[in-house]
């Protein structure tokens, strides 16, 4: 079972190199990290998985991007939008992960979207950045959104992933710290382990493909 941070952001968008973040991930108990636009590689035993992250695009453009990503070995994540957008994206072959649920409208990810995600093996990402670094209302909003996600996940059993969205090694967290943070919104240790293995679950049909677009 691969333990994966579903998004880290190294230099030049962040402050740390891919190698430095891979080494830190290993020390924190991770087997792999997803990195935007990085080549597939293994650094000191840690797999670097190429990531494609889409935000602000209409659903039709997301569908076109998803077609081009199929078979490349890249994990395709899409920033959540309104309810109609989420339902369409979750039903799009080649989209692996919905990100940013914490920032979406309260009703954007509902029981219909949850069922679609479950049927299509599309994961919902638990981005820990707003929980770690958020303050006041922003942090509470993220926790409440994730509480809602947990209720739907128990009912429909769609995959989950967990990401730090760290832009430096200082933003990365050990597996045990991740478990502590996730307990704030009702995720037990078994659930955390399953979510940390979520990238492998949604990428399973594409194992072996390593071409980067």
N, C-alpha and C. Protein backbone atom coordinates (compact mmCIF):
# COMPACT_ATOMS: atom_id res chain seq x y z
N UNK A 1 0.83 -1.19 0.00
CA UNK A 1 0.00 0.00 0.00
C UNK A 1 0.87 1.25 0.00
N UNK A 2 0.77 2.05 -1.05
CA UNK A 2 1.56 3.27 -1.15
C UNK A 2 0.94 4.38 -0.31
N UNK A 3 1.76 5.00 0.53
CA UNK A 3 1.33 6.14 1.34
C UNK A 3 1.76 7.40 0.61
N UNK A 4 0.78 8.19 0.15
CA UNK A 4 1.07 9.27 -0.79
C UNK A 4 0.52 10.60 -0.32
N UNK A 5 1.36 11.64 -0.42
CA UNK A 5 0.89 13.02 -0.30
C UNK A 5 0.42 13.43 -1.69
N UNK A 6 -0.88 13.72 -1.82
CA UNK A 6 -1.48 13.91 -3.14
C UNK A 6 -1.16 15.25 -3.79
N UNK A 7 -0.44 16.12 -3.11
CA UNK A 7 0.02 17.36 -3.75
C UNK A 7 1.08 18.05 -2.91
N UNK A 8 2.26 18.17 -3.47
CA UNK A 8 3.28 19.08 -2.93
C UNK A 8 3.71 19.98 -4.08
N UNK A 9 4.15 21.18 -3.75
CA UNK A 9 4.45 22.18 -4.78
C UNK A 9 5.88 22.68 -4.60
N UNK A 10 6.83 22.08 -5.30
CA UNK A 10 8.23 22.46 -5.14
C UNK A 10 8.59 23.69 -5.97
N UNK A 11 9.87 24.05 -5.92
CA UNK A 11 10.43 25.14 -6.73
C UNK A 11 10.15 24.86 -8.22
N UNK A 12 9.76 25.86 -9.02
CA UNK A 12 9.84 27.31 -8.78
C UNK A 12 8.60 27.94 -8.15
N UNK A 13 7.47 27.20 -8.08
CA UNK A 13 6.29 27.76 -7.43
C UNK A 13 6.43 27.74 -5.92
N UNK A 14 7.18 26.79 -5.41
CA UNK A 14 7.44 26.70 -3.98
C UNK A 14 8.88 27.03 -3.66
N UNK A 15 9.28 26.70 -2.43
CA UNK A 15 10.60 27.11 -1.94
C UNK A 15 11.62 25.97 -1.86
N UNK A 16 11.16 24.72 -2.06
CA UNK A 16 12.06 23.57 -1.91
C UNK A 16 12.10 22.77 -3.21
N UNK A 17 13.23 22.14 -3.45
CA UNK A 17 13.38 21.33 -4.66
C UNK A 17 12.58 20.03 -4.56
N UNK A 18 12.32 19.41 -5.70
CA UNK A 18 11.64 18.12 -5.70
C UNK A 18 12.43 17.11 -4.88
N UNK A 19 13.76 17.09 -5.06
CA UNK A 19 14.58 16.14 -4.32
C UNK A 19 14.47 16.36 -2.81
N UNK A 20 14.53 17.61 -2.40
CA UNK A 20 14.45 17.91 -0.96
C UNK A 20 13.10 17.50 -0.39
N UNK A 21 12.04 17.70 -1.15
CA UNK A 21 10.71 17.33 -0.67
C UNK A 21 10.54 15.82 -0.65
N UNK A 22 11.13 15.13 -1.60
CA UNK A 22 11.07 13.67 -1.60
C UNK A 22 11.79 13.10 -0.39
N UNK A 23 12.95 13.65 -0.09
CA UNK A 23 13.70 13.20 1.08
C UNK A 23 12.93 13.47 2.37
N UNK A 24 12.29 14.62 2.44
CA UNK A 24 11.48 14.95 3.62
C UNK A 24 10.28 14.01 3.72
N UNK A 25 9.66 13.73 2.58
CA UNK A 25 8.52 12.81 2.58
C UNK A 25 8.91 11.45 3.13
N UNK A 26 10.08 10.97 2.72
CA UNK A 26 10.54 9.67 3.22
C UNK A 26 10.71 9.69 4.73
N UNK A 27 11.28 10.77 5.26
CA UNK A 27 11.50 10.86 6.70
C UNK A 27 10.18 10.98 7.47
N UNK A 28 9.14 11.43 6.79
CA UNK A 28 7.84 11.62 7.43
C UNK A 28 6.92 10.41 7.29
N UNK A 29 7.40 9.37 6.59
CA UNK A 29 6.64 8.13 6.48
C UNK A 29 5.88 7.93 5.19
N UNK A 30 6.21 8.72 4.15
CA UNK A 30 5.52 8.59 2.86
C UNK A 30 6.36 7.78 1.87
N UNK A 31 5.65 7.10 0.99
CA UNK A 31 6.29 6.33 -0.07
C UNK A 31 6.33 7.08 -1.39
N UNK A 32 5.42 8.06 -1.56
CA UNK A 32 5.32 8.77 -2.83
C UNK A 32 4.70 10.14 -2.63
N UNK A 33 4.94 11.02 -3.61
CA UNK A 33 4.37 12.36 -3.62
C UNK A 33 3.90 12.67 -5.04
N UNK A 34 2.85 13.47 -5.13
CA UNK A 34 2.37 13.93 -6.44
C UNK A 34 2.85 15.36 -6.63
N UNK A 35 3.51 15.60 -7.76
CA UNK A 35 4.15 16.88 -8.01
C UNK A 35 3.67 17.44 -9.35
N UNK A 36 3.21 18.69 -9.38
CA UNK A 36 2.75 19.27 -10.65
C UNK A 36 3.86 19.28 -11.71
N UNK A 37 3.53 18.76 -12.89
CA UNK A 37 4.40 18.88 -14.06
C UNK A 37 5.79 18.29 -13.88
N UNK A 38 5.94 17.37 -12.94
CA UNK A 38 7.25 16.74 -12.72
C UNK A 38 7.35 15.46 -13.55
N UNK A 39 8.55 15.08 -13.96
CA UNK A 39 8.71 13.78 -14.61
C UNK A 39 8.58 12.65 -13.59
N UNK A 40 8.06 11.52 -14.02
CA UNK A 40 7.99 10.36 -13.14
C UNK A 40 9.41 9.92 -12.82
N UNK A 41 9.68 9.70 -11.56
CA UNK A 41 11.02 9.30 -11.14
C UNK A 41 10.94 8.75 -9.72
N UNK A 42 12.02 8.14 -9.29
CA UNK A 42 12.12 7.67 -7.91
C UNK A 42 13.36 8.30 -7.30
N UNK A 43 13.19 8.95 -6.16
CA UNK A 43 14.28 9.64 -5.47
C UNK A 43 14.45 9.02 -4.09
N UNK A 44 15.55 8.32 -3.92
CA UNK A 44 15.85 7.69 -2.63
C UNK A 44 14.68 6.86 -2.10
N UNK A 45 14.06 6.12 -3.01
CA UNK A 45 12.98 5.23 -2.61
C UNK A 45 11.59 5.85 -2.62
N UNK A 46 11.50 7.14 -2.87
CA UNK A 46 10.20 7.82 -2.91
C UNK A 46 9.80 8.06 -4.36
N UNK A 47 8.64 7.56 -4.73
CA UNK A 47 8.14 7.74 -6.10
C UNK A 47 7.58 9.15 -6.27
N UNK A 48 7.99 9.80 -7.34
CA UNK A 48 7.44 11.10 -7.72
C UNK A 48 6.44 10.85 -8.84
N UNK A 49 5.17 11.15 -8.56
CA UNK A 49 4.10 10.93 -9.52
C UNK A 49 3.77 12.26 -10.20
N UNK A 50 3.78 12.32 -11.52
CA UNK A 50 3.42 13.57 -12.20
C UNK A 50 1.98 13.96 -11.91
N UNK A 51 1.75 15.24 -11.66
CA UNK A 51 0.41 15.72 -11.41
C UNK A 51 0.01 16.79 -12.40
N UNK A 52 -1.23 16.75 -12.84
CA UNK A 52 -1.81 17.82 -13.65
C UNK A 52 -2.97 18.38 -12.85
N UNK A 53 -2.91 19.68 -12.57
CA UNK A 53 -3.92 20.34 -11.75
C UNK A 53 -4.63 21.40 -12.58
N UNK A 54 -5.95 21.28 -12.70
CA UNK A 54 -6.73 22.20 -13.51
C UNK A 54 -7.63 23.04 -12.61
N UNK A 55 -7.68 24.33 -12.90
CA UNK A 55 -8.51 25.25 -12.13
C UNK A 55 -9.05 26.33 -13.04
N UNK A 56 -10.31 26.68 -12.84
CA UNK A 56 -10.89 27.80 -13.57
C UNK A 56 -11.29 27.52 -15.00
N UNK A 57 -11.28 26.25 -15.40
CA UNK A 57 -11.65 25.88 -16.76
C UNK A 57 -13.11 25.44 -16.81
N UNK A 58 -13.82 25.69 -17.90
CA UNK A 58 -15.16 25.15 -18.06
C UNK A 58 -15.10 23.63 -18.18
N UNK A 59 -16.22 22.98 -17.89
CA UNK A 59 -16.25 21.52 -17.87
C UNK A 59 -15.83 20.90 -19.20
N UNK A 60 -16.20 21.51 -20.31
CA UNK A 60 -15.85 20.96 -21.62
C UNK A 60 -14.33 20.94 -21.81
N UNK A 61 -13.65 22.00 -21.36
CA UNK A 61 -12.19 22.04 -21.48
C UNK A 61 -11.55 20.98 -20.58
N UNK A 62 -12.13 20.78 -19.40
CA UNK A 62 -11.63 19.73 -18.52
C UNK A 62 -11.76 18.37 -19.19
N UNK A 63 -12.87 18.13 -19.85
CA UNK A 63 -13.07 16.86 -20.55
C UNK A 63 -12.04 16.66 -21.65
N UNK A 64 -11.73 17.72 -22.37
CA UNK A 64 -10.72 17.63 -23.43
C UNK A 64 -9.33 17.36 -22.86
N UNK A 65 -9.01 18.03 -21.75
CA UNK A 65 -7.72 17.80 -21.09
C UNK A 65 -7.63 16.36 -20.58
N UNK A 66 -8.74 15.87 -20.05
CA UNK A 66 -8.75 14.51 -19.51
C UNK A 66 -8.47 13.49 -20.60
N UNK A 67 -9.01 13.70 -21.78
CA UNK A 67 -8.74 12.80 -22.90
C UNK A 67 -7.25 12.74 -23.21
N UNK A 68 -6.61 13.91 -23.19
CA UNK A 68 -5.18 13.97 -23.53
C UNK A 68 -4.31 13.38 -22.43
N UNK A 69 -4.83 13.36 -21.21
CA UNK A 69 -4.04 12.84 -20.09
C UNK A 69 -4.10 11.32 -19.95
N UNK A 70 -5.10 10.71 -20.56
CA UNK A 70 -5.28 9.27 -20.38
C UNK A 70 -4.04 8.49 -20.83
N UNK A 71 -3.61 7.60 -19.97
CA UNK A 71 -2.49 6.75 -20.32
C UNK A 71 -1.13 7.38 -20.15
N UNK A 72 -1.07 8.60 -19.64
CA UNK A 72 0.23 9.26 -19.49
C UNK A 72 0.90 8.95 -18.16
N UNK A 73 0.14 8.41 -17.21
CA UNK A 73 0.70 8.17 -15.88
C UNK A 73 0.60 9.36 -14.97
N UNK A 74 0.03 10.48 -15.46
CA UNK A 74 -0.15 11.66 -14.63
C UNK A 74 -1.47 11.58 -13.88
N UNK A 75 -1.48 12.05 -12.65
CA UNK A 75 -2.72 12.13 -11.88
C UNK A 75 -3.39 13.46 -12.18
N UNK A 76 -4.62 13.41 -12.66
CA UNK A 76 -5.35 14.62 -13.03
C UNK A 76 -6.28 15.04 -11.91
N UNK A 77 -6.05 16.23 -11.38
CA UNK A 77 -6.89 16.80 -10.33
C UNK A 77 -7.58 18.06 -10.86
N UNK A 78 -8.82 18.26 -10.45
CA UNK A 78 -9.60 19.40 -10.91
C UNK A 78 -10.16 20.15 -9.71
N UNK A 79 -10.00 21.46 -9.74
CA UNK A 79 -10.54 22.30 -8.67
C UNK A 79 -12.06 22.31 -8.73
N UNK A 80 -12.69 22.10 -7.58
CA UNK A 80 -14.15 22.03 -7.52
C UNK A 80 -14.77 23.38 -7.87
N UNK A 81 -15.96 23.31 -8.47
CA UNK A 81 -16.73 24.50 -8.79
C UNK A 81 -18.13 24.37 -8.21
N UNK A 82 -19.15 24.76 -8.99
CA UNK A 82 -20.51 24.62 -8.50
C UNK A 82 -20.99 23.18 -8.67
N UNK A 83 -22.22 22.93 -8.25
CA UNK A 83 -22.74 21.57 -8.22
C UNK A 83 -22.74 20.92 -9.59
N UNK A 84 -23.22 21.64 -10.60
CA UNK A 84 -23.27 21.08 -11.95
C UNK A 84 -21.89 20.76 -12.48
N UNK A 85 -20.94 21.64 -12.21
CA UNK A 85 -19.56 21.42 -12.65
C UNK A 85 -18.99 20.16 -11.99
N UNK A 86 -19.18 20.03 -10.69
CA UNK A 86 -18.64 18.89 -9.97
C UNK A 86 -19.24 17.58 -10.48
N UNK A 87 -20.54 17.57 -10.73
CA UNK A 87 -21.17 16.35 -11.23
C UNK A 87 -20.60 15.96 -12.59
N UNK A 88 -20.40 16.95 -13.45
CA UNK A 88 -19.85 16.67 -14.77
C UNK A 88 -18.42 16.16 -14.69
N UNK A 89 -17.61 16.84 -13.91
CA UNK A 89 -16.20 16.48 -13.79
C UNK A 89 -16.04 15.10 -13.14
N UNK A 90 -16.82 14.84 -12.09
CA UNK A 90 -16.73 13.54 -11.41
C UNK A 90 -17.13 12.40 -12.33
N UNK A 91 -17.90 12.72 -13.36
CA UNK A 91 -18.36 11.72 -14.30
C UNK A 91 -17.49 11.65 -15.56
N UNK A 92 -16.36 12.38 -15.54
CA UNK A 92 -15.47 12.44 -16.70
C UNK A 92 -14.35 11.41 -16.57
N UNK A 93 -14.28 10.52 -17.51
CA UNK A 93 -13.22 9.51 -17.49
C UNK A 93 -11.86 10.19 -17.59
N UNK A 94 -10.95 9.78 -16.72
CA UNK A 94 -9.61 10.36 -16.72
C UNK A 94 -9.38 11.39 -15.64
N UNK A 95 -10.45 11.89 -15.02
CA UNK A 95 -10.30 12.79 -13.87
C UNK A 95 -10.16 11.91 -12.62
N UNK A 96 -9.07 12.08 -11.93
CA UNK A 96 -8.78 11.23 -10.77
C UNK A 96 -9.25 11.83 -9.45
N UNK A 97 -9.11 13.15 -9.31
CA UNK A 97 -9.33 13.77 -8.00
C UNK A 97 -10.05 15.10 -8.15
N UNK A 98 -11.02 15.33 -7.24
CA UNK A 98 -11.64 16.65 -7.08
C UNK A 98 -10.96 17.35 -5.92
N UNK A 99 -10.41 18.53 -6.18
CA UNK A 99 -9.72 19.30 -5.14
C UNK A 99 -10.53 20.53 -4.76
N UNK A 100 -10.20 21.08 -3.58
CA UNK A 100 -10.76 22.36 -3.18
C UNK A 100 -12.20 22.31 -2.72
N UNK A 101 -12.68 21.14 -2.28
CA UNK A 101 -14.04 21.05 -1.79
C UNK A 101 -14.25 22.00 -0.61
N UNK A 102 -13.22 22.22 0.18
CA UNK A 102 -13.34 23.10 1.35
C UNK A 102 -13.71 24.53 0.98
N UNK A 103 -13.38 24.95 -0.25
CA UNK A 103 -13.65 26.32 -0.69
C UNK A 103 -14.92 26.44 -1.51
N UNK A 104 -15.54 25.30 -1.83
CA UNK A 104 -16.74 25.31 -2.66
C UNK A 104 -17.97 25.63 -1.81
N UNK A 105 -19.06 25.94 -2.49
CA UNK A 105 -20.33 26.17 -1.81
C UNK A 105 -20.73 24.94 -1.00
N UNK A 106 -21.43 25.15 0.09
CA UNK A 106 -21.80 24.07 0.99
C UNK A 106 -22.54 22.94 0.27
N UNK A 107 -23.34 23.28 -0.73
CA UNK A 107 -24.15 22.27 -1.41
C UNK A 107 -23.55 21.85 -2.75
N UNK A 108 -22.32 22.28 -3.02
CA UNK A 108 -21.70 21.95 -4.32
C UNK A 108 -21.42 20.46 -4.45
N UNK A 109 -21.00 19.83 -3.36
CA UNK A 109 -20.75 18.38 -3.38
C UNK A 109 -21.85 17.72 -2.55
N UNK A 110 -22.89 17.24 -3.25
CA UNK A 110 -24.05 16.67 -2.58
C UNK A 110 -24.10 15.16 -2.77
N UNK A 111 -25.23 14.56 -2.39
CA UNK A 111 -25.34 13.10 -2.45
C UNK A 111 -25.30 12.58 -3.89
N UNK A 112 -25.79 13.38 -4.84
CA UNK A 112 -25.75 12.96 -6.24
C UNK A 112 -24.30 12.96 -6.74
N UNK A 113 -23.57 14.04 -6.45
CA UNK A 113 -22.16 14.12 -6.84
C UNK A 113 -21.35 13.01 -6.16
N UNK A 114 -21.68 12.72 -4.90
CA UNK A 114 -20.97 11.67 -4.17
C UNK A 114 -21.19 10.31 -4.82
N UNK A 115 -22.41 10.03 -5.25
CA UNK A 115 -22.71 8.77 -5.92
C UNK A 115 -21.98 8.68 -7.25
N UNK A 116 -21.93 9.78 -8.00
CA UNK A 116 -21.21 9.80 -9.27
C UNK A 116 -19.73 9.53 -9.04
N UNK A 117 -19.15 10.19 -8.03
CA UNK A 117 -17.73 9.99 -7.71
C UNK A 117 -17.46 8.53 -7.35
N UNK A 118 -18.34 7.93 -6.56
CA UNK A 118 -18.16 6.53 -6.17
C UNK A 118 -18.24 5.61 -7.39
N UNK A 119 -19.20 5.87 -8.26
CA UNK A 119 -19.38 5.02 -9.44
C UNK A 119 -18.21 5.11 -10.41
N UNK A 120 -17.52 6.26 -10.41
CA UNK A 120 -16.44 6.49 -11.37
C UNK A 120 -15.05 6.41 -10.74
N UNK A 121 -14.99 6.01 -9.45
CA UNK A 121 -13.71 5.91 -8.76
C UNK A 121 -12.95 7.24 -8.77
N UNK A 122 -13.70 8.33 -8.62
CA UNK A 122 -13.11 9.67 -8.56
C UNK A 122 -12.97 10.07 -7.11
N UNK A 123 -11.78 10.45 -6.72
CA UNK A 123 -11.51 10.77 -5.32
C UNK A 123 -11.84 12.22 -4.99
N UNK A 124 -12.13 12.44 -3.73
CA UNK A 124 -12.24 13.79 -3.18
C UNK A 124 -11.01 14.03 -2.31
N UNK A 125 -10.32 15.11 -2.58
CA UNK A 125 -9.08 15.40 -1.85
C UNK A 125 -9.36 16.12 -0.54
N UNK A 126 -8.69 15.68 0.50
CA UNK A 126 -8.69 16.37 1.79
C UNK A 126 -7.40 17.17 1.85
N UNK A 127 -7.50 18.44 1.50
CA UNK A 127 -6.34 19.33 1.49
C UNK A 127 -6.16 19.87 2.91
N UNK A 128 -5.05 19.55 3.53
CA UNK A 128 -4.83 19.93 4.93
C UNK A 128 -4.31 21.35 5.10
N UNK A 129 -3.94 22.01 4.00
CA UNK A 129 -3.38 23.36 4.12
C UNK A 129 -4.29 24.33 4.86
N UNK A 130 -5.61 24.39 4.56
CA UNK A 130 -6.45 25.34 5.29
C UNK A 130 -6.64 24.96 6.75
N UNK A 131 -6.45 23.67 7.08
CA UNK A 131 -6.55 23.24 8.48
C UNK A 131 -5.27 23.58 9.22
N UNK A 132 -4.13 23.42 8.55
CA UNK A 132 -2.83 23.70 9.18
C UNK A 132 -2.59 25.20 9.30
N UNK A 133 -2.84 25.91 8.22
CA UNK A 133 -2.44 27.32 8.17
C UNK A 133 -3.60 28.30 8.26
N UNK A 134 -4.83 27.81 8.09
CA UNK A 134 -5.99 28.70 8.16
C UNK A 134 -6.22 29.21 9.58
N UNK A 135 -6.91 30.31 9.66
CA UNK A 135 -7.24 30.91 10.95
C UNK A 135 -8.72 31.25 10.99
N UNK A 136 -9.30 31.18 12.20
CA UNK A 136 -10.66 31.64 12.40
C UNK A 136 -11.67 30.98 11.49
N UNK A 137 -12.48 31.80 10.83
CA UNK A 137 -13.58 31.31 10.00
C UNK A 137 -13.09 30.41 8.87
N UNK A 138 -11.95 30.77 8.25
CA UNK A 138 -11.43 29.98 7.14
C UNK A 138 -11.15 28.55 7.58
N UNK A 139 -10.54 28.40 8.72
CA UNK A 139 -10.21 27.06 9.22
C UNK A 139 -11.47 26.30 9.60
N UNK A 140 -12.39 26.96 10.28
CA UNK A 140 -13.63 26.30 10.69
C UNK A 140 -14.46 25.87 9.48
N UNK A 141 -14.47 26.72 8.45
CA UNK A 141 -15.21 26.37 7.24
C UNK A 141 -14.65 25.09 6.62
N UNK A 142 -13.32 24.99 6.54
CA UNK A 142 -12.71 23.80 5.97
C UNK A 142 -13.07 22.56 6.79
N UNK A 143 -12.99 22.66 8.10
CA UNK A 143 -13.31 21.52 8.96
C UNK A 143 -14.76 21.10 8.77
N UNK A 144 -15.68 22.07 8.70
CA UNK A 144 -17.10 21.73 8.51
C UNK A 144 -17.36 21.10 7.14
N UNK A 145 -16.66 21.60 6.11
CA UNK A 145 -16.82 20.99 4.78
C UNK A 145 -16.34 19.54 4.81
N UNK A 146 -15.24 19.30 5.47
CA UNK A 146 -14.71 17.94 5.53
C UNK A 146 -15.60 17.02 6.38
N UNK A 147 -16.23 17.59 7.40
CA UNK A 147 -17.21 16.80 8.16
C UNK A 147 -18.34 16.34 7.24
N UNK A 148 -18.81 17.24 6.38
CA UNK A 148 -19.86 16.89 5.42
C UNK A 148 -19.37 15.81 4.44
N UNK A 149 -18.12 15.94 4.00
CA UNK A 149 -17.55 14.95 3.08
C UNK A 149 -17.50 13.57 3.75
N UNK A 150 -17.13 13.54 5.03
CA UNK A 150 -17.05 12.26 5.73
C UNK A 150 -18.41 11.57 5.81
N UNK A 151 -19.47 12.35 6.03
CA UNK A 151 -20.82 11.77 6.08
C UNK A 151 -21.15 11.11 4.75
N UNK A 152 -20.86 11.81 3.65
CA UNK A 152 -21.15 11.27 2.33
C UNK A 152 -20.25 10.08 1.99
N UNK A 153 -18.98 10.16 2.42
CA UNK A 153 -18.04 9.06 2.12
C UNK A 153 -18.48 7.77 2.80
N UNK A 154 -18.98 7.86 4.02
CA UNK A 154 -19.43 6.66 4.72
C UNK A 154 -20.63 6.04 4.03
N UNK A 155 -21.44 6.86 3.41
CA UNK A 155 -22.64 6.36 2.73
C UNK A 155 -22.33 5.80 1.35
N UNK A 156 -21.47 6.50 0.58
CA UNK A 156 -21.27 6.13 -0.82
C UNK A 156 -19.91 5.47 -1.10
N UNK A 157 -18.94 5.64 -0.21
CA UNK A 157 -17.64 4.97 -0.29
C UNK A 157 -16.84 5.37 -1.53
N UNK A 158 -16.86 6.64 -1.90
CA UNK A 158 -15.96 7.13 -2.94
C UNK A 158 -14.55 7.23 -2.37
N UNK A 159 -13.52 7.22 -3.21
CA UNK A 159 -12.15 7.31 -2.69
C UNK A 159 -11.86 8.69 -2.10
N UNK A 160 -10.91 8.73 -1.20
CA UNK A 160 -10.38 9.98 -0.67
C UNK A 160 -8.88 10.00 -0.90
N UNK A 161 -8.33 11.19 -1.06
CA UNK A 161 -6.88 11.38 -1.00
C UNK A 161 -6.60 12.46 0.04
N UNK A 162 -5.36 12.53 0.47
CA UNK A 162 -4.94 13.55 1.44
C UNK A 162 -3.73 14.27 0.88
N UNK A 163 -3.76 15.58 0.91
CA UNK A 163 -2.63 16.37 0.42
C UNK A 163 -2.25 17.44 1.44
N UNK A 164 -0.98 17.78 1.45
CA UNK A 164 -0.51 18.88 2.30
C UNK A 164 -0.51 20.20 1.54
N UNK A 165 -0.43 20.11 0.19
CA UNK A 165 -0.25 21.31 -0.66
C UNK A 165 0.96 22.13 -0.21
N UNK A 166 1.94 21.44 0.37
CA UNK A 166 3.11 22.12 0.91
C UNK A 166 3.94 22.77 -0.19
N UNK A 167 4.37 24.00 0.05
CA UNK A 167 5.24 24.70 -0.89
C UNK A 167 6.68 24.73 -0.40
N UNK A 168 6.92 24.13 0.73
CA UNK A 168 8.28 23.92 1.23
C UNK A 168 8.24 22.74 2.18
N UNK A 169 9.40 22.28 2.58
CA UNK A 169 9.44 21.14 3.50
C UNK A 169 8.80 21.51 4.84
N UNK A 170 8.74 22.80 5.15
CA UNK A 170 8.15 23.24 6.42
C UNK A 170 6.64 23.01 6.45
N UNK A 171 6.02 22.91 5.29
CA UNK A 171 4.59 22.69 5.24
C UNK A 171 4.19 21.23 5.22
N UNK A 172 5.15 20.33 5.11
CA UNK A 172 4.86 18.90 5.07
C UNK A 172 4.65 18.37 6.49
N UNK A 173 3.86 17.32 6.61
CA UNK A 173 3.52 16.76 7.91
C UNK A 173 3.72 15.25 7.91
N UNK A 174 4.13 14.72 9.07
CA UNK A 174 4.33 13.28 9.22
C UNK A 174 2.98 12.57 9.21
N UNK A 175 3.01 11.29 8.90
CA UNK A 175 1.78 10.51 8.83
C UNK A 175 1.01 10.58 10.15
N UNK A 176 1.69 10.52 11.27
CA UNK A 176 1.00 10.57 12.56
C UNK A 176 0.35 11.94 12.79
N UNK A 177 1.00 13.02 12.29
CA UNK A 177 0.39 14.34 12.41
C UNK A 177 -0.83 14.47 11.50
N UNK A 178 -0.75 13.86 10.32
CA UNK A 178 -1.89 13.84 9.41
C UNK A 178 -3.08 13.18 10.09
N UNK A 179 -2.83 12.07 10.76
CA UNK A 179 -3.91 11.37 11.46
C UNK A 179 -4.54 12.25 12.53
N UNK A 180 -3.72 13.00 13.26
CA UNK A 180 -4.24 13.89 14.28
C UNK A 180 -5.10 15.01 13.70
N UNK A 181 -4.65 15.58 12.58
CA UNK A 181 -5.42 16.65 11.94
C UNK A 181 -6.74 16.11 11.39
N UNK A 182 -6.71 14.92 10.82
CA UNK A 182 -7.93 14.35 10.23
C UNK A 182 -8.94 13.95 11.30
N UNK A 183 -8.47 13.72 12.51
CA UNK A 183 -9.41 13.38 13.59
C UNK A 183 -10.32 14.56 13.92
N UNK A 184 -9.92 15.77 13.53
CA UNK A 184 -10.75 16.96 13.79
C UNK A 184 -12.07 16.90 13.04
N UNK A 185 -12.11 16.14 11.94
CA UNK A 185 -13.36 16.02 11.21
C UNK A 185 -13.81 14.56 11.10
N UNK A 186 -13.46 13.79 12.11
CA UNK A 186 -14.07 12.47 12.27
C UNK A 186 -13.47 11.34 11.49
N UNK A 187 -12.26 11.51 10.96
CA UNK A 187 -11.63 10.42 10.23
C UNK A 187 -10.77 9.61 11.20
N UNK A 188 -11.06 8.32 11.32
CA UNK A 188 -10.28 7.48 12.22
C UNK A 188 -9.01 7.00 11.53
N UNK A 189 -8.18 6.26 12.26
CA UNK A 189 -6.89 5.85 11.73
C UNK A 189 -7.03 4.97 10.50
N UNK A 190 -8.02 4.09 10.51
CA UNK A 190 -8.25 3.23 9.35
C UNK A 190 -8.61 4.07 8.13
N UNK A 191 -9.46 5.07 8.33
CA UNK A 191 -9.84 5.96 7.24
C UNK A 191 -8.67 6.76 6.72
N UNK A 192 -7.80 7.22 7.62
CA UNK A 192 -6.62 7.97 7.21
C UNK A 192 -5.70 7.10 6.36
N UNK A 193 -5.48 5.86 6.79
CA UNK A 193 -4.61 4.97 6.02
C UNK A 193 -5.19 4.71 4.63
N UNK A 194 -6.51 4.54 4.55
CA UNK A 194 -7.15 4.31 3.25
C UNK A 194 -7.01 5.55 2.36
N UNK A 195 -7.18 6.73 2.95
CA UNK A 195 -7.07 7.97 2.16
C UNK A 195 -5.64 8.22 1.71
N UNK A 196 -4.66 7.90 2.53
CA UNK A 196 -3.27 8.05 2.14
C UNK A 196 -2.90 7.08 1.01
N UNK A 197 -3.66 6.01 0.89
CA UNK A 197 -3.48 5.07 -0.22
C UNK A 197 -4.41 5.37 -1.39
N UNK A 198 -5.14 6.49 -1.30
CA UNK A 198 -6.15 6.81 -2.29
C UNK A 198 -5.60 7.08 -3.68
N UNK A 199 -4.41 7.67 -3.77
CA UNK A 199 -3.82 7.93 -5.08
C UNK A 199 -3.58 6.61 -5.81
N UNK A 200 -3.04 5.62 -5.11
CA UNK A 200 -2.82 4.32 -5.74
C UNK A 200 -4.14 3.70 -6.18
N UNK A 201 -5.20 3.93 -5.40
CA UNK A 201 -6.51 3.36 -5.75
C UNK A 201 -7.04 3.97 -7.04
N UNK A 202 -6.97 5.29 -7.18
CA UNK A 202 -7.56 5.90 -8.38
C UNK A 202 -6.64 5.78 -9.60
N UNK A 203 -5.35 5.59 -9.35
CA UNK A 203 -4.41 5.45 -10.46
C UNK A 203 -4.21 3.99 -10.88
N UNK A 204 -4.77 3.04 -10.15
CA UNK A 204 -4.50 1.62 -10.38
C UNK A 204 -4.67 1.19 -11.82
N UNK A 205 -5.73 1.64 -12.53
CA UNK A 205 -5.87 1.19 -13.92
C UNK A 205 -4.76 1.69 -14.84
N UNK A 206 -4.00 2.72 -14.37
CA UNK A 206 -2.99 3.31 -15.22
C UNK A 206 -1.57 2.97 -14.79
N UNK A 207 -1.44 2.04 -13.84
CA UNK A 207 -0.11 1.66 -13.37
C UNK A 207 0.72 1.19 -14.56
N UNK A 208 1.94 1.69 -14.61
CA UNK A 208 2.86 1.29 -15.66
C UNK A 208 3.06 2.36 -16.72
N UNK A 209 2.13 3.30 -16.81
CA UNK A 209 2.27 4.40 -17.76
C UNK A 209 3.03 5.52 -17.11
N UNK A 210 4.09 6.01 -17.78
CA UNK A 210 4.93 7.01 -17.14
C UNK A 210 5.19 8.23 -18.04
N UNK A 211 4.55 8.29 -19.20
CA UNK A 211 4.80 9.41 -20.10
C UNK A 211 4.18 10.68 -19.52
N UNK A 212 4.94 11.79 -19.55
CA UNK A 212 4.44 13.04 -19.02
C UNK A 212 4.02 13.92 -20.20
N UNK A 213 2.79 14.50 -20.10
CA UNK A 213 2.35 15.36 -21.17
C UNK A 213 2.98 16.74 -21.02
